[in-house]
Amino acid sequence: ETMVRIAALKFLAAKGKVKATKDWIDDFLKSGEKLVFFATHKEILEYFLKCYPQAARIVSEDDAKLRQANVERFQRDTACNIIICAMGT
């Protein structure tokens, strides 16, 4: 029961940071630098994937070939400046 409560609180904290995080990412991407972004919660991950549909991605539902293609695109394509990665989703 305690672990369930902790997980719920972590999710609430993450949801509370979404707008500020998106604003920060938008500002960062203006620099032209590359950004590796990690998300833990599926709902948060899906939100950011919708916000940045051009982003490369590494998520569990993608097969290994697609994941590798996204890694290579992020590393080689100068127009691809964000990769969104899932942690534990």
N, C-alpha and C. Protein backbone atom coordinates (compact mmCIF):
# COMPACT_ATOMS: atom_id res chain seq x y z
N GLU A 1 0.82 -1.19 0.00
CA GLU A 1 0.00 0.00 0.00
C GLU A 1 0.87 1.26 0.00
N THR A 2 1.94 1.24 0.74
CA THR A 2 2.83 2.40 0.79
C THR A 2 3.46 2.67 -0.56
N MET A 3 3.87 1.62 -1.24
CA MET A 3 4.49 1.77 -2.56
C MET A 3 3.49 2.34 -3.57
N VAL A 4 2.25 1.94 -3.48
CA VAL A 4 1.22 2.46 -4.37
C VAL A 4 1.04 3.95 -4.12
N ARG A 5 1.03 4.34 -2.88
CA ARG A 5 0.90 5.76 -2.55
C ARG A 5 2.10 6.57 -3.05
N ILE A 6 3.27 6.02 -2.88
CA ILE A 6 4.49 6.70 -3.36
C ILE A 6 4.42 6.87 -4.88
N ALA A 7 4.02 5.83 -5.59
CA ALA A 7 3.92 5.91 -7.06
C ALA A 7 2.89 6.96 -7.46
N ALA A 8 1.77 7.02 -6.76
CA ALA A 8 0.74 8.02 -7.07
C ALA A 8 1.27 9.43 -6.84
N LEU A 9 2.01 9.62 -5.76
CA LEU A 9 2.58 10.94 -5.48
C LEU A 9 3.62 11.33 -6.52
N LYS A 10 4.42 10.37 -6.96
CA LYS A 10 5.41 10.66 -8.01
C LYS A 10 4.72 11.09 -9.30
N PHE A 11 3.63 10.43 -9.63
CA PHE A 11 2.88 10.78 -10.84
C PHE A 11 2.28 12.18 -10.71
N LEU A 12 1.70 12.50 -9.56
CA LEU A 12 1.15 13.83 -9.34
C LEU A 12 2.23 14.91 -9.45
N ALA A 13 3.39 14.63 -8.91
CA ALA A 13 4.50 15.58 -9.00
C ALA A 13 4.90 15.78 -10.46
N ALA A 14 4.97 14.69 -11.21
CA ALA A 14 5.34 14.79 -12.64
C ALA A 14 4.30 15.59 -13.40
N LYS A 15 3.02 15.32 -13.16
CA LYS A 15 1.96 16.07 -13.85
C LYS A 15 2.04 17.56 -13.54
N GLY A 16 2.41 17.88 -12.32
CA GLY A 16 2.51 19.27 -11.93
C GLY A 16 3.64 20.02 -12.60
N LYS A 17 4.60 19.29 -13.15
CA LYS A 17 5.77 19.91 -13.79
C LYS A 17 5.67 19.95 -15.32
N VAL A 18 4.60 19.42 -15.89
CA VAL A 18 4.51 19.27 -17.34
C VAL A 18 4.60 20.61 -18.07
N LYS A 19 3.83 21.60 -17.66
CA LYS A 19 3.84 22.88 -18.38
C LYS A 19 5.21 23.54 -18.29
N ALA A 20 5.79 23.58 -17.11
CA ALA A 20 7.11 24.19 -16.95
C ALA A 20 8.16 23.43 -17.75
N THR A 21 8.04 22.11 -17.79
CA THR A 21 8.98 21.30 -18.56
C THR A 21 8.86 21.58 -20.05
N LYS A 22 7.62 21.65 -20.54
CA LYS A 22 7.43 21.95 -21.96
C LYS A 22 7.99 23.33 -22.30
N ASP A 23 7.73 24.31 -21.45
CA ASP A 23 8.27 25.65 -21.68
C ASP A 23 9.80 25.63 -21.73
N TRP A 24 10.40 24.88 -20.81
CA TRP A 24 11.86 24.77 -20.76
C TRP A 24 12.39 24.11 -22.04
N ILE A 25 11.75 23.01 -22.45
CA ILE A 25 12.17 22.31 -23.67
C ILE A 25 12.07 23.25 -24.87
N ASP A 26 10.96 23.96 -24.99
CA ASP A 26 10.78 24.88 -26.12
C ASP A 26 11.92 25.91 -26.15
N ASP A 27 12.24 26.47 -25.00
CA ASP A 27 13.34 27.43 -24.93
C ASP A 27 14.68 26.78 -25.29
N PHE A 28 14.92 25.59 -24.75
CA PHE A 28 16.17 24.90 -25.02
C PHE A 28 16.34 24.59 -26.50
N LEU A 29 15.28 24.14 -27.14
CA LEU A 29 15.37 23.76 -28.56
C LEU A 29 15.71 24.96 -29.45
N LYS A 30 15.41 26.16 -29.00
CA LYS A 30 15.78 27.35 -29.76
C LYS A 30 17.29 27.53 -29.85
N SER A 31 18.02 26.90 -28.93
CA SER A 31 19.48 27.02 -28.93
C SER A 31 20.13 26.24 -30.06
N GLY A 32 19.39 25.27 -30.63
CA GLY A 32 19.96 24.44 -31.68
C GLY A 32 20.73 23.23 -31.16
N GLU A 33 20.88 23.15 -29.85
CA GLU A 33 21.56 22.01 -29.24
C GLU A 33 20.63 20.81 -29.23
N LYS A 34 21.21 19.62 -29.09
CA LYS A 34 20.42 18.40 -29.02
C LYS A 34 20.02 18.12 -27.57
N LEU A 35 18.84 17.52 -27.41
CA LEU A 35 18.29 17.24 -26.09
C LEU A 35 17.84 15.79 -26.01
N VAL A 36 18.26 15.12 -24.95
CA VAL A 36 17.77 13.78 -24.64
C VAL A 36 16.80 13.94 -23.47
N PHE A 37 15.55 13.56 -23.69
CA PHE A 37 14.49 13.73 -22.69
C PHE A 37 13.98 12.37 -22.26
N PHE A 38 13.93 12.15 -20.95
CA PHE A 38 13.43 10.89 -20.39
C PHE A 38 12.12 11.13 -19.65
N ALA A 39 11.20 10.19 -19.80
CA ALA A 39 9.94 10.22 -19.05
C ALA A 39 9.70 8.84 -18.45
N THR A 40 9.10 8.82 -17.29
CA THR A 40 8.82 7.56 -16.61
C THR A 40 7.38 7.13 -16.77
N HIS A 41 6.46 8.06 -16.67
CA HIS A 41 5.03 7.73 -16.70
C HIS A 41 4.49 7.78 -18.13
N LYS A 42 3.72 6.77 -18.47
CA LYS A 42 3.21 6.63 -19.84
C LYS A 42 2.39 7.85 -20.28
N GLU A 43 1.55 8.38 -19.42
CA GLU A 43 0.72 9.53 -19.78
C GLU A 43 1.61 10.75 -20.09
N ILE A 44 2.63 10.94 -19.31
CA ILE A 44 3.56 12.05 -19.52
C ILE A 44 4.32 11.84 -20.83
N LEU A 45 4.80 10.63 -21.04
CA LEU A 45 5.52 10.28 -22.27
C LEU A 45 4.65 10.56 -23.50
N GLU A 46 3.42 10.11 -23.48
CA GLU A 46 2.52 10.31 -24.62
C GLU A 46 2.26 11.79 -24.87
N TYR A 47 2.14 12.57 -23.80
CA TYR A 47 1.93 14.01 -23.95
C TYR A 47 3.10 14.64 -24.71
N PHE A 48 4.33 14.32 -24.30
CA PHE A 48 5.48 14.93 -24.93
C PHE A 48 5.71 14.39 -26.35
N LEU A 49 5.36 13.15 -26.61
CA LEU A 49 5.44 12.64 -27.97
C LEU A 49 4.46 13.38 -28.89
N LYS A 50 3.31 13.76 -28.37
CA LYS A 50 2.35 14.54 -29.16
C LYS A 50 2.83 15.97 -29.35
N CYS A 51 3.47 16.53 -28.33
CA CYS A 51 3.99 17.90 -28.43
C CYS A 51 5.11 18.01 -29.45
N TYR A 52 5.91 16.95 -29.56
CA TYR A 52 7.08 16.97 -30.44
C TYR A 52 7.04 15.77 -31.39
N PRO A 53 6.10 15.78 -32.33
CA PRO A 53 5.96 14.62 -33.22
C PRO A 53 7.18 14.38 -34.11
N GLN A 54 8.01 15.40 -34.30
CA GLN A 54 9.21 15.26 -35.11
C GLN A 54 10.36 14.62 -34.34
N ALA A 55 10.19 14.44 -33.04
CA ALA A 55 11.26 13.91 -32.19
C ALA A 55 11.58 12.46 -32.52
N ALA A 56 12.84 12.11 -32.39
CA ALA A 56 13.21 10.70 -32.39
C ALA A 56 12.71 10.13 -31.06
N ARG A 57 12.55 8.82 -30.99
CA ARG A 57 12.00 8.24 -29.77
C ARG A 57 12.54 6.86 -29.49
N ILE A 58 12.62 6.54 -28.24
CA ILE A 58 12.97 5.19 -27.79
C ILE A 58 11.93 4.82 -26.75
N VAL A 59 10.97 4.00 -27.16
CA VAL A 59 9.90 3.57 -26.25
C VAL A 59 9.70 2.07 -26.39
N SER A 60 9.16 1.48 -25.35
CA SER A 60 9.09 0.02 -25.27
C SER A 60 8.27 -0.62 -26.37
N GLU A 61 7.24 0.04 -26.86
CA GLU A 61 6.40 -0.61 -27.88
C GLU A 61 7.05 -0.64 -29.27
N ASP A 62 8.13 0.10 -29.45
CA ASP A 62 8.84 0.08 -30.73
C ASP A 62 9.79 -1.12 -30.77
N ASP A 63 9.90 -1.74 -31.93
CA ASP A 63 10.83 -2.87 -32.03
C ASP A 63 12.27 -2.36 -32.08
N ALA A 64 13.21 -3.28 -31.92
CA ALA A 64 14.62 -2.93 -31.83
C ALA A 64 15.12 -2.21 -33.08
N LYS A 65 14.63 -2.61 -34.25
CA LYS A 65 15.06 -1.98 -35.50
C LYS A 65 14.63 -0.50 -35.55
N LEU A 66 13.38 -0.24 -35.16
CA LEU A 66 12.89 1.14 -35.14
C LEU A 66 13.62 1.98 -34.10
N ARG A 67 13.86 1.39 -32.94
CA ARG A 67 14.60 2.12 -31.90
C ARG A 67 15.98 2.51 -32.40
N GLN A 68 16.68 1.57 -33.04
CA GLN A 68 18.02 1.86 -33.55
C GLN A 68 17.97 2.93 -34.64
N ALA A 69 16.96 2.87 -35.48
CA ALA A 69 16.82 3.88 -36.53
C ALA A 69 16.62 5.26 -35.91
N ASN A 70 15.87 5.33 -34.83
CA ASN A 70 15.67 6.60 -34.15
C ASN A 70 16.95 7.11 -33.50
N VAL A 71 17.72 6.22 -32.91
CA VAL A 71 19.01 6.61 -32.33
C VAL A 71 19.92 7.18 -33.41
N GLU A 72 20.00 6.50 -34.53
CA GLU A 72 20.85 6.96 -35.62
C GLU A 72 20.37 8.29 -36.20
N ARG A 73 19.06 8.45 -36.31
CA ARG A 73 18.52 9.72 -36.81
C ARG A 73 18.88 10.86 -35.86
N PHE A 74 18.73 10.63 -34.57
CA PHE A 74 19.06 11.66 -33.59
C PHE A 74 20.55 12.02 -33.64
N GLN A 75 21.39 11.01 -33.79
CA GLN A 75 22.83 11.25 -33.80
C GLN A 75 23.32 11.90 -35.08
N ARG A 76 22.72 11.57 -36.21
CA ARG A 76 23.25 12.01 -37.51
C ARG A 76 22.50 13.17 -38.17
N ASP A 77 21.21 13.27 -37.91
CA ASP A 77 20.38 14.28 -38.58
C ASP A 77 20.45 15.59 -37.80
N THR A 78 21.02 16.61 -38.40
CA THR A 78 21.16 17.90 -37.71
C THR A 78 19.81 18.56 -37.46
N ALA A 79 18.79 18.18 -38.22
CA ALA A 79 17.45 18.74 -38.03
C ALA A 79 16.70 18.06 -36.87
N CYS A 80 17.18 16.91 -36.42
CA CYS A 80 16.55 16.18 -35.32
C CYS A 80 17.29 16.54 -34.03
N ASN A 81 16.68 17.43 -33.24
CA ASN A 81 17.40 17.90 -32.07
C ASN A 81 16.79 17.47 -30.74
N ILE A 82 15.84 16.52 -30.80
CA ILE A 82 15.28 15.97 -29.54
C ILE A 82 14.98 14.50 -29.72
N ILE A 83 15.33 13.73 -28.69
CA ILE A 83 14.94 12.32 -28.63
C ILE A 83 14.22 12.12 -27.31
N ILE A 84 13.06 11.49 -27.37
CA ILE A 84 12.24 11.25 -26.19
C ILE A 84 12.35 9.77 -25.85
N CYS A 85 12.77 9.50 -24.63
CA CYS A 85 13.03 8.13 -24.20
C CYS A 85 12.13 7.76 -23.03
N ALA A 86 11.72 6.52 -22.99
CA ALA A 86 10.88 6.02 -21.90
C ALA A 86 11.76 5.30 -20.88
N MET A 87 11.43 5.51 -19.64
CA MET A 87 12.08 4.78 -18.55
C MET A 87 11.02 3.97 -17.83
N GLY A 88 11.03 2.68 -18.02
CA GLY A 88 10.13 1.82 -17.28
C GLY A 88 8.67 1.85 -17.69
N THR A 89 8.38 2.33 -18.90
CA THR A 89 6.97 2.33 -19.32
C THR A 89 6.74 1.22 -20.31
